[in-house]
Amino acid sequence: MIATCWYWELQKRLQKELLALQNDPPPGMTLNEKSVQNSITQWIVDMEGAPGTLYEGEKFQLLFKFSSRYPFDSPQVMFTGENIPVHPHVYSNGHICLSILTEDWSPALSVQSVCLSIISMLSSCKEKMILVDATVIILLAEDSPTEKTSTLIIQSLNFNL
């Protein structure tokens, strides 16, 4: 009985956020309606780079996945599709390094607030740089990488595009 009640609360919250995103989307963002036809726990949001930014005119897709613990746990959010933004806080696989998606998450936050944070993150970028994956540092470092060696590798890989 408790699990059923909890499931309906999750559904209710996701329905509310879905309607909010459909009726009042953040600038440059639209819900991909087809993405929610089969499951309310996985959404695709189409995004366009904000005017006057490095990403102006570029089109991206964000994949939102909601666990059964949402809103107590943050949604999993990542860029997906053919165009992943080149940004210091976005890994090449589309994963986003953003504190509100991890330790700074609060159940008071919403899909809209996550979208606005991602727009802000991209819009504030001054130069397109690749976020170096930690595995790359380890693979390129010597047998026992030191902090100095790792720093040099990071500096050599964070080149401007």
N, C-alpha and C. Protein backbone atom coordinates (compact mmCIF):
# COMPACT_ATOMS: atom_id res chain seq x y z
N MET A 1 0.82 -1.19 0.00
CA MET A 1 0.00 0.00 0.00
C MET A 1 0.86 1.26 0.00
N ILE A 2 1.91 1.28 0.82
CA ILE A 2 2.79 2.45 0.89
C ILE A 2 3.49 2.66 -0.44
N ALA A 3 3.98 1.59 -1.06
CA ALA A 3 4.66 1.71 -2.35
C ALA A 3 3.74 2.27 -3.41
N THR A 4 2.48 1.85 -3.42
CA THR A 4 1.52 2.36 -4.39
C THR A 4 1.28 3.85 -4.18
N CYS A 5 1.13 4.27 -2.95
CA CYS A 5 0.92 5.68 -2.63
C CYS A 5 2.11 6.51 -3.08
N TRP A 6 3.29 6.00 -2.79
CA TRP A 6 4.51 6.69 -3.16
C TRP A 6 4.64 6.80 -4.69
N TYR A 7 4.26 5.74 -5.41
CA TYR A 7 4.29 5.75 -6.87
C TYR A 7 3.39 6.84 -7.42
N TRP A 8 2.20 6.99 -6.85
CA TRP A 8 1.27 8.01 -7.32
C TRP A 8 1.78 9.40 -7.02
N GLU A 9 2.48 9.58 -5.91
CA GLU A 9 3.08 10.88 -5.60
C GLU A 9 4.15 11.24 -6.63
N LEU A 10 4.96 10.25 -7.03
CA LEU A 10 5.97 10.46 -8.07
C LEU A 10 5.29 10.85 -9.37
N GLN A 11 4.28 10.11 -9.76
CA GLN A 11 3.55 10.39 -10.99
C GLN A 11 2.94 11.80 -10.96
N LYS A 12 2.38 12.15 -9.83
CA LYS A 12 1.75 13.47 -9.66
C LYS A 12 2.78 14.59 -9.82
N ARG A 13 3.93 14.42 -9.18
CA ARG A 13 4.99 15.43 -9.27
C ARG A 13 5.49 15.55 -10.70
N LEU A 14 5.73 14.42 -11.38
CA LEU A 14 6.22 14.46 -12.75
C LEU A 14 5.19 15.07 -13.71
N GLN A 15 3.92 14.76 -13.51
CA GLN A 15 2.86 15.36 -14.33
C GLN A 15 2.83 16.87 -14.16
N LYS A 16 2.97 17.33 -12.92
CA LYS A 16 2.98 18.76 -12.63
C LYS A 16 4.16 19.45 -13.33
N GLU A 17 5.34 18.84 -13.24
CA GLU A 17 6.52 19.43 -13.88
C GLU A 17 6.44 19.36 -15.40
N LEU A 18 5.86 18.30 -15.90
CA LEU A 18 5.67 18.16 -17.34
C LEU A 18 4.77 19.27 -17.87
N LEU A 19 3.67 19.52 -17.20
CA LEU A 19 2.77 20.60 -17.60
C LEU A 19 3.45 21.96 -17.53
N ALA A 20 4.22 22.19 -16.48
CA ALA A 20 4.93 23.45 -16.33
C ALA A 20 5.92 23.66 -17.48
N LEU A 21 6.62 22.59 -17.86
CA LEU A 21 7.59 22.69 -18.95
C LEU A 21 6.89 22.91 -20.29
N GLN A 22 5.74 22.29 -20.48
CA GLN A 22 4.98 22.47 -21.72
C GLN A 22 4.39 23.88 -21.80
N ASN A 23 3.85 24.38 -20.70
CA ASN A 23 3.15 25.67 -20.70
C ASN A 23 4.05 26.88 -20.55
N ASP A 24 5.18 26.72 -19.89
CA ASP A 24 6.08 27.85 -19.64
C ASP A 24 7.53 27.39 -19.72
N PRO A 25 7.98 26.97 -20.91
CA PRO A 25 9.36 26.47 -21.02
C PRO A 25 10.38 27.59 -20.88
N PRO A 26 11.54 27.26 -20.35
CA PRO A 26 12.63 28.25 -20.32
C PRO A 26 12.98 28.67 -21.76
N PRO A 27 13.54 29.85 -21.92
CA PRO A 27 13.87 30.33 -23.28
C PRO A 27 14.76 29.34 -24.03
N GLY A 28 14.38 29.05 -25.27
CA GLY A 28 15.19 28.17 -26.12
C GLY A 28 15.00 26.69 -25.84
N MET A 29 14.06 26.34 -24.96
CA MET A 29 13.86 24.92 -24.62
C MET A 29 12.43 24.51 -24.94
N THR A 30 12.30 23.31 -25.47
CA THR A 30 10.97 22.74 -25.72
C THR A 30 11.01 21.25 -25.40
N LEU A 31 9.93 20.78 -24.83
CA LEU A 31 9.80 19.37 -24.53
C LEU A 31 9.57 18.61 -25.83
N ASN A 32 10.31 17.54 -26.03
CA ASN A 32 10.08 16.65 -27.16
C ASN A 32 8.90 15.77 -26.77
N GLU A 33 7.74 16.09 -27.30
CA GLU A 33 6.49 15.43 -26.90
C GLU A 33 6.52 13.91 -27.09
N LYS A 34 7.19 13.46 -28.15
CA LYS A 34 7.26 12.02 -28.40
C LYS A 34 7.99 11.28 -27.30
N SER A 35 8.93 11.96 -26.64
CA SER A 35 9.75 11.30 -25.62
C SER A 35 8.97 10.88 -24.39
N VAL A 36 7.83 11.51 -24.14
CA VAL A 36 7.07 11.19 -22.93
C VAL A 36 5.85 10.31 -23.23
N GLN A 37 5.68 9.92 -24.45
CA GLN A 37 4.51 9.11 -24.80
C GLN A 37 4.56 7.73 -24.16
N ASN A 38 5.75 7.13 -24.07
CA ASN A 38 5.87 5.78 -23.53
C ASN A 38 6.18 5.72 -22.05
N SER A 39 6.83 6.77 -21.54
CA SER A 39 7.24 6.75 -20.14
C SER A 39 7.33 8.17 -19.60
N ILE A 40 6.75 8.38 -18.45
CA ILE A 40 6.84 9.70 -17.83
C ILE A 40 8.15 9.88 -17.08
N THR A 41 8.94 8.83 -16.96
CA THR A 41 10.19 8.92 -16.19
C THR A 41 11.41 9.18 -17.07
N GLN A 42 11.20 9.42 -18.34
CA GLN A 42 12.32 9.74 -19.23
C GLN A 42 11.84 10.75 -20.27
N TRP A 43 12.49 11.92 -20.26
CA TRP A 43 12.09 13.01 -21.15
C TRP A 43 13.28 13.44 -21.99
N ILE A 44 12.99 13.95 -23.17
CA ILE A 44 13.99 14.64 -23.98
C ILE A 44 13.54 16.07 -24.13
N VAL A 45 14.44 16.99 -23.85
CA VAL A 45 14.18 18.41 -23.99
C VAL A 45 15.11 18.93 -25.08
N ASP A 46 14.50 19.53 -26.11
CA ASP A 46 15.28 20.14 -27.19
C ASP A 46 15.69 21.53 -26.75
N MET A 47 16.95 21.86 -27.03
CA MET A 47 17.51 23.13 -26.56
C MET A 47 18.23 23.83 -27.70
N GLU A 48 18.09 25.13 -27.74
CA GLU A 48 18.82 25.94 -28.71
C GLU A 48 19.72 26.89 -27.95
N GLY A 49 20.97 27.04 -28.42
CA GLY A 49 21.92 27.94 -27.77
C GLY A 49 21.37 29.36 -27.74
N ALA A 50 21.56 30.03 -26.63
CA ALA A 50 21.01 31.38 -26.43
C ALA A 50 21.66 32.40 -27.38
N PRO A 51 20.86 33.34 -27.86
CA PRO A 51 21.41 34.41 -28.72
C PRO A 51 22.51 35.18 -27.99
N GLY A 52 23.53 35.56 -28.74
CA GLY A 52 24.62 36.34 -28.19
C GLY A 52 25.63 35.55 -27.38
N THR A 53 25.55 34.21 -27.45
CA THR A 53 26.50 33.37 -26.72
C THR A 53 27.33 32.56 -27.71
N LEU A 54 28.33 31.85 -27.20
CA LEU A 54 29.14 30.98 -28.05
C LEU A 54 28.32 29.88 -28.72
N TYR A 55 27.18 29.56 -28.15
CA TYR A 55 26.36 28.45 -28.64
C TYR A 55 25.14 28.91 -29.44
N GLU A 56 25.11 30.19 -29.77
CA GLU A 56 23.98 30.74 -30.53
C GLU A 56 23.75 29.93 -31.81
N GLY A 57 22.50 29.55 -32.02
CA GLY A 57 22.11 28.81 -33.22
C GLY A 57 22.38 27.32 -33.16
N GLU A 58 23.14 26.85 -32.17
CA GLU A 58 23.39 25.41 -32.05
C GLU A 58 22.20 24.74 -31.39
N LYS A 59 21.93 23.52 -31.80
CA LYS A 59 20.81 22.75 -31.25
C LYS A 59 21.35 21.55 -30.47
N PHE A 60 20.77 21.35 -29.29
CA PHE A 60 21.18 20.27 -28.41
C PHE A 60 19.94 19.52 -27.91
N GLN A 61 20.18 18.35 -27.36
CA GLN A 61 19.12 17.59 -26.70
C GLN A 61 19.59 17.21 -25.31
N LEU A 62 18.70 17.37 -24.35
CA LEU A 62 18.95 16.96 -22.97
C LEU A 62 18.06 15.76 -22.66
N LEU A 63 18.66 14.76 -22.06
CA LEU A 63 17.92 13.58 -21.62
C LEU A 63 17.75 13.67 -20.11
N PHE A 64 16.51 13.65 -19.65
CA PHE A 64 16.18 13.65 -18.23
C PHE A 64 15.68 12.26 -17.87
N LYS A 65 16.27 11.65 -16.85
CA LYS A 65 15.80 10.37 -16.33
C LYS A 65 15.48 10.56 -14.85
N PHE A 66 14.29 10.12 -14.47
CA PHE A 66 13.83 10.28 -13.10
C PHE A 66 13.77 8.92 -12.43
N SER A 67 14.47 8.79 -11.33
CA SER A 67 14.45 7.53 -10.57
C SER A 67 13.19 7.47 -9.71
N SER A 68 12.98 6.33 -9.12
CA SER A 68 11.83 6.16 -8.24
C SER A 68 11.97 7.01 -6.97
N ARG A 69 13.16 7.55 -6.72
CA ARG A 69 13.39 8.38 -5.53
C ARG A 69 13.24 9.88 -5.82
N TYR A 70 12.89 10.23 -7.06
CA TYR A 70 12.66 11.64 -7.39
C TYR A 70 11.42 12.12 -6.65
N PRO A 71 11.39 13.29 -6.07
CA PRO A 71 12.33 14.40 -6.14
C PRO A 71 13.38 14.43 -5.04
N PHE A 72 13.47 13.36 -4.24
CA PHE A 72 14.48 13.35 -3.18
C PHE A 72 15.88 13.16 -3.74
N ASP A 73 15.97 12.47 -4.88
CA ASP A 73 17.22 12.38 -5.64
C ASP A 73 17.05 13.22 -6.89
N SER A 74 18.14 13.80 -7.34
CA SER A 74 18.07 14.62 -8.56
C SER A 74 17.79 13.74 -9.78
N PRO A 75 17.25 14.34 -10.83
CA PRO A 75 17.14 13.57 -12.06
C PRO A 75 18.54 13.38 -12.65
N GLN A 76 18.70 12.35 -13.44
CA GLN A 76 19.94 12.21 -14.22
C GLN A 76 19.73 13.05 -15.47
N VAL A 77 20.63 13.95 -15.74
CA VAL A 77 20.50 14.83 -16.89
C VAL A 77 21.80 14.81 -17.66
N MET A 78 21.68 14.62 -18.97
CA MET A 78 22.88 14.62 -19.81
C MET A 78 22.51 15.07 -21.21
N PHE A 79 23.50 15.60 -21.91
CA PHE A 79 23.31 15.92 -23.31
C PHE A 79 23.36 14.61 -24.08
N THR A 80 22.53 14.52 -25.11
CA THR A 80 22.47 13.31 -25.91
C THR A 80 22.32 13.71 -27.38
N GLY A 81 22.41 12.76 -28.25
CA GLY A 81 22.24 13.06 -29.66
C GLY A 81 23.55 13.32 -30.36
N GLU A 82 23.45 13.91 -31.53
CA GLU A 82 24.63 14.11 -32.39
C GLU A 82 25.48 15.31 -31.98
N ASN A 83 24.89 16.29 -31.28
CA ASN A 83 25.63 17.50 -30.95
C ASN A 83 25.73 17.67 -29.44
N ILE A 84 26.89 17.33 -28.91
CA ILE A 84 27.19 17.54 -27.49
C ILE A 84 28.00 18.84 -27.41
N PRO A 85 27.58 19.80 -26.57
CA PRO A 85 28.34 21.05 -26.53
C PRO A 85 29.77 20.86 -26.02
N VAL A 86 30.67 21.57 -26.66
CA VAL A 86 32.05 21.61 -26.18
C VAL A 86 32.08 22.68 -25.11
N HIS A 87 32.24 22.25 -23.88
CA HIS A 87 32.14 23.15 -22.73
C HIS A 87 32.97 22.58 -21.59
N PRO A 88 33.59 23.44 -20.79
CA PRO A 88 34.43 22.94 -19.69
C PRO A 88 33.69 22.11 -18.64
N HIS A 89 32.35 22.16 -18.60
CA HIS A 89 31.59 21.39 -17.61
C HIS A 89 30.75 20.29 -18.24
N VAL A 90 31.06 19.96 -19.50
CA VAL A 90 30.34 18.88 -20.18
C VAL A 90 31.35 17.87 -20.70
N TYR A 91 31.21 16.63 -20.26
CA TYR A 91 32.08 15.56 -20.74
C TYR A 91 31.70 15.19 -22.17
N SER A 92 32.62 14.58 -22.88
CA SER A 92 32.39 14.21 -24.27
C SER A 92 31.24 13.20 -24.43
N ASN A 93 30.91 12.47 -23.36
CA ASN A 93 29.79 11.53 -23.42
C ASN A 93 28.45 12.19 -23.08
N GLY A 94 28.46 13.51 -22.84
CA GLY A 94 27.23 14.25 -22.57
C GLY A 94 26.92 14.49 -21.11
N HIS A 95 27.66 13.85 -20.21
CA HIS A 95 27.42 14.05 -18.78
C HIS A 95 27.78 15.48 -18.39
N ILE A 96 26.98 16.04 -17.49
CA ILE A 96 27.11 17.44 -17.11
C ILE A 96 27.63 17.54 -15.68
N CYS A 97 28.65 18.35 -15.50
CA CYS A 97 29.22 18.60 -14.18
C CYS A 97 28.57 19.88 -13.65
N LEU A 98 27.52 19.70 -12.86
CA LEU A 98 26.74 20.82 -12.34
C LEU A 98 26.30 20.44 -10.93
N SER A 99 26.61 21.29 -9.96
CA SER A 99 26.40 20.93 -8.55
C SER A 99 24.95 20.64 -8.20
N ILE A 100 23.99 21.30 -8.87
CA ILE A 100 22.59 21.02 -8.50
C ILE A 100 22.13 19.64 -8.96
N LEU A 101 22.94 18.97 -9.77
CA LEU A 101 22.62 17.61 -10.17
C LEU A 101 23.26 16.58 -9.24
N THR A 102 23.99 17.07 -8.25
CA THR A 102 24.62 16.16 -7.28
C THR A 102 24.42 16.69 -5.87
N GLU A 103 25.46 17.19 -5.25
CA GLU A 103 25.41 17.55 -3.83
C GLU A 103 24.52 18.74 -3.50
N ASP A 104 24.25 19.62 -4.45
CA ASP A 104 23.41 20.79 -4.16
C ASP A 104 21.95 20.59 -4.58
N TRP A 105 21.57 19.35 -4.90
CA TRP A 105 20.19 19.08 -5.28
C TRP A 105 19.26 19.27 -4.08
N SER A 106 18.08 19.78 -4.34
CA SER A 106 17.04 19.92 -3.33
C SER A 106 15.71 19.53 -3.95
N PRO A 107 14.82 18.87 -3.21
CA PRO A 107 13.50 18.54 -3.75
C PRO A 107 12.69 19.78 -4.15
N ALA A 108 13.11 20.95 -3.67
CA ALA A 108 12.43 22.19 -4.05
C ALA A 108 12.76 22.60 -5.49
N LEU A 109 13.84 22.04 -6.05
CA LEU A 109 14.21 22.35 -7.43
C LEU A 109 13.30 21.58 -8.38
N SER A 110 13.30 22.01 -9.64
CA SER A 110 12.41 21.41 -10.63
C SER A 110 13.16 21.23 -11.95
N VAL A 111 12.50 20.62 -12.89
CA VAL A 111 13.06 20.46 -14.23
C VAL A 111 13.34 21.85 -14.82
N GLN A 112 12.42 22.77 -14.62
CA GLN A 112 12.63 24.13 -15.13
C GLN A 112 13.88 24.77 -14.53
N SER A 113 14.09 24.60 -13.24
CA SER A 113 15.27 25.21 -12.62
C SER A 113 16.55 24.55 -13.12
N VAL A 114 16.50 23.24 -13.38
CA VAL A 114 17.67 22.56 -13.95
C VAL A 114 17.93 23.09 -15.35
N CYS A 115 16.89 23.24 -16.14
CA CYS A 115 17.04 23.78 -17.50
C CYS A 115 17.64 25.18 -17.47
N LEU A 116 17.14 26.03 -16.58
CA LEU A 116 17.67 27.39 -16.47
C LEU A 116 19.14 27.38 -16.06
N SER A 117 19.52 26.48 -15.17
CA SER A 117 20.92 26.38 -14.76
C SER A 117 21.81 25.95 -15.92
N ILE A 118 21.31 25.04 -16.75
CA ILE A 118 22.09 24.59 -17.91
C ILE A 118 22.21 25.70 -18.94
N ILE A 119 21.13 26.44 -19.17
CA ILE A 119 21.19 27.59 -20.08
C ILE A 119 22.21 28.59 -19.56
N SER A 120 22.16 28.88 -18.26
CA SER A 120 23.09 29.82 -17.65
C SER A 120 24.53 29.33 -17.77
N MET A 121 24.74 28.05 -17.53
CA MET A 121 26.07 27.46 -17.62
C MET A 121 26.64 27.64 -19.02
N LEU A 122 25.86 27.33 -20.04
CA LEU A 122 26.34 27.48 -21.42
C LEU A 122 26.51 28.95 -21.78
N SER A 123 25.59 29.79 -21.36
CA SER A 123 25.62 31.20 -21.73
C SER A 123 26.78 31.95 -21.11
N SER A 124 27.24 31.52 -19.95
CA SER A 124 28.34 32.22 -19.28
C SER A 124 29.71 31.77 -19.77
N CYS A 125 29.75 30.79 -20.64
CA CYS A 125 31.03 30.26 -21.13
C CYS A 125 31.72 31.30 -22.03
N LYS A 126 33.00 31.53 -21.77
CA LYS A 126 33.77 32.52 -22.53
C LYS A 126 34.58 31.90 -23.66
N GLU A 127 34.90 30.61 -23.54
CA GLU A 127 35.60 29.92 -24.62
C GLU A 127 35.26 28.44 -24.57
N LYS A 128 35.15 27.85 -25.73
CA LYS A 128 34.81 26.43 -25.81
C LYS A 128 36.05 25.62 -25.50
N MET A 129 35.95 24.82 -24.45
CA MET A 129 37.05 23.97 -24.02
C MET A 129 36.50 22.60 -23.69
N ILE A 130 37.30 21.58 -23.89
CA ILE A 130 36.92 20.22 -23.58
C ILE A 130 37.16 19.95 -22.10
N LEU A 131 36.20 19.29 -21.45
CA LEU A 131 36.38 18.84 -20.08
C LEU A 131 37.14 17.52 -20.15
N VAL A 132 38.28 17.48 -19.51
CA VAL A 132 39.13 16.30 -19.55
C VAL A 132 38.60 15.26 -18.58
N ASP A 133 38.37 14.06 -19.09
CA ASP A 133 37.94 12.95 -18.25
C ASP A 133 39.12 12.49 -17.40
N ALA A 134 38.86 12.12 -16.15
CA ALA A 134 39.92 11.66 -15.26
C ALA A 134 40.63 10.44 -15.82
N THR A 135 39.93 9.58 -16.54
CA THR A 135 40.55 8.39 -17.10
C THR A 135 41.61 8.75 -18.13
N VAL A 136 41.40 9.85 -18.84
CA VAL A 136 42.39 10.29 -19.82
C VAL A 136 43.67 10.69 -19.11
N ILE A 137 43.54 11.38 -17.99
CA ILE A 137 44.72 11.81 -17.24
C ILE A 137 45.52 10.60 -16.78
N ILE A 138 44.83 9.61 -16.24
CA ILE A 138 45.51 8.42 -15.74
C ILE A 138 46.17 7.66 -16.88
N LEU A 139 45.49 7.53 -18.00
CA LEU A 139 46.05 6.79 -19.13
C LEU A 139 47.28 7.49 -19.72
N LEU A 140 47.27 8.82 -19.71
CA LEU A 140 48.37 9.55 -20.31
C LEU A 140 49.53 9.80 -19.34
N ALA A 141 49.27 9.67 -18.07
CA ALA A 141 50.31 9.90 -17.07
C ALA A 141 51.27 8.73 -17.03
N GLU A 142 52.40 8.96 -16.40
CA GLU A 142 53.39 7.90 -16.25
C GLU A 142 52.86 6.83 -15.31
N ASP A 143 53.65 5.81 -15.07
CA ASP A 143 53.22 4.68 -14.23
C ASP A 143 52.66 5.13 -12.88
N SER A 144 53.29 6.08 -12.24
CA SER A 144 52.72 6.59 -10.99
C SER A 144 52.59 8.10 -11.16
N PRO A 145 51.42 8.52 -11.63
CA PRO A 145 51.24 9.94 -11.92
C PRO A 145 51.35 10.81 -10.68
N THR A 146 52.04 11.91 -10.84
CA THR A 146 52.14 12.87 -9.75
C THR A 146 51.17 14.01 -10.04
N GLU A 147 50.96 14.82 -9.04
CA GLU A 147 50.07 15.97 -9.23
C GLU A 147 50.62 16.89 -10.31
N LYS A 148 51.95 17.09 -10.33
CA LYS A 148 52.58 17.96 -11.32
C LYS A 148 52.38 17.40 -12.73
N THR A 149 52.59 16.10 -12.91
CA THR A 149 52.40 15.47 -14.21
C THR A 149 50.95 15.59 -14.65
N SER A 150 50.02 15.33 -13.75
CA SER A 150 48.59 15.41 -14.07
C SER A 150 48.21 16.82 -14.47
N THR A 151 48.75 17.82 -13.75
CA THR A 151 48.46 19.22 -14.08
C THR A 151 48.97 19.55 -15.47
N LEU A 152 50.16 19.09 -15.82
CA LEU A 152 50.71 19.35 -17.15
C LEU A 152 49.87 18.69 -18.24
N ILE A 153 49.40 17.49 -17.97
CA ILE A 153 48.56 16.79 -18.94
C ILE A 153 47.24 17.53 -19.11
N ILE A 154 46.65 17.95 -18.00
CA ILE A 154 45.39 18.70 -18.08
C ILE A 154 45.59 19.97 -18.88
N GLN A 155 46.66 20.70 -18.60
CA GLN A 155 46.92 21.94 -19.32
C GLN A 155 47.12 21.69 -20.82
N SER A 156 47.77 20.59 -21.16
CA SER A 156 48.02 20.32 -22.58
C SER A 156 46.75 19.86 -23.30
N LEU A 157 45.81 19.25 -22.56
CA LEU A 157 44.58 18.77 -23.20
C LEU A 157 43.49 19.82 -23.26
N ASN A 158 43.51 20.81 -22.38
CA ASN A 158 42.48 21.85 -22.39
C ASN A 158 42.83 22.92 -23.40
N PHE A 159 42.77 22.56 -24.64
CA PHE A 159 43.08 23.50 -25.70
C PHE A 159 41.80 24.16 -26.19
N ASN A 160 41.93 25.32 -26.77
CA ASN A 160 40.77 26.05 -27.30
C ASN A 160 40.35 25.44 -28.62
N LEU A 161 39.05 25.47 -28.88
CA LEU A 161 38.54 24.97 -30.16
C LEU A 161 38.12 26.13 -31.03
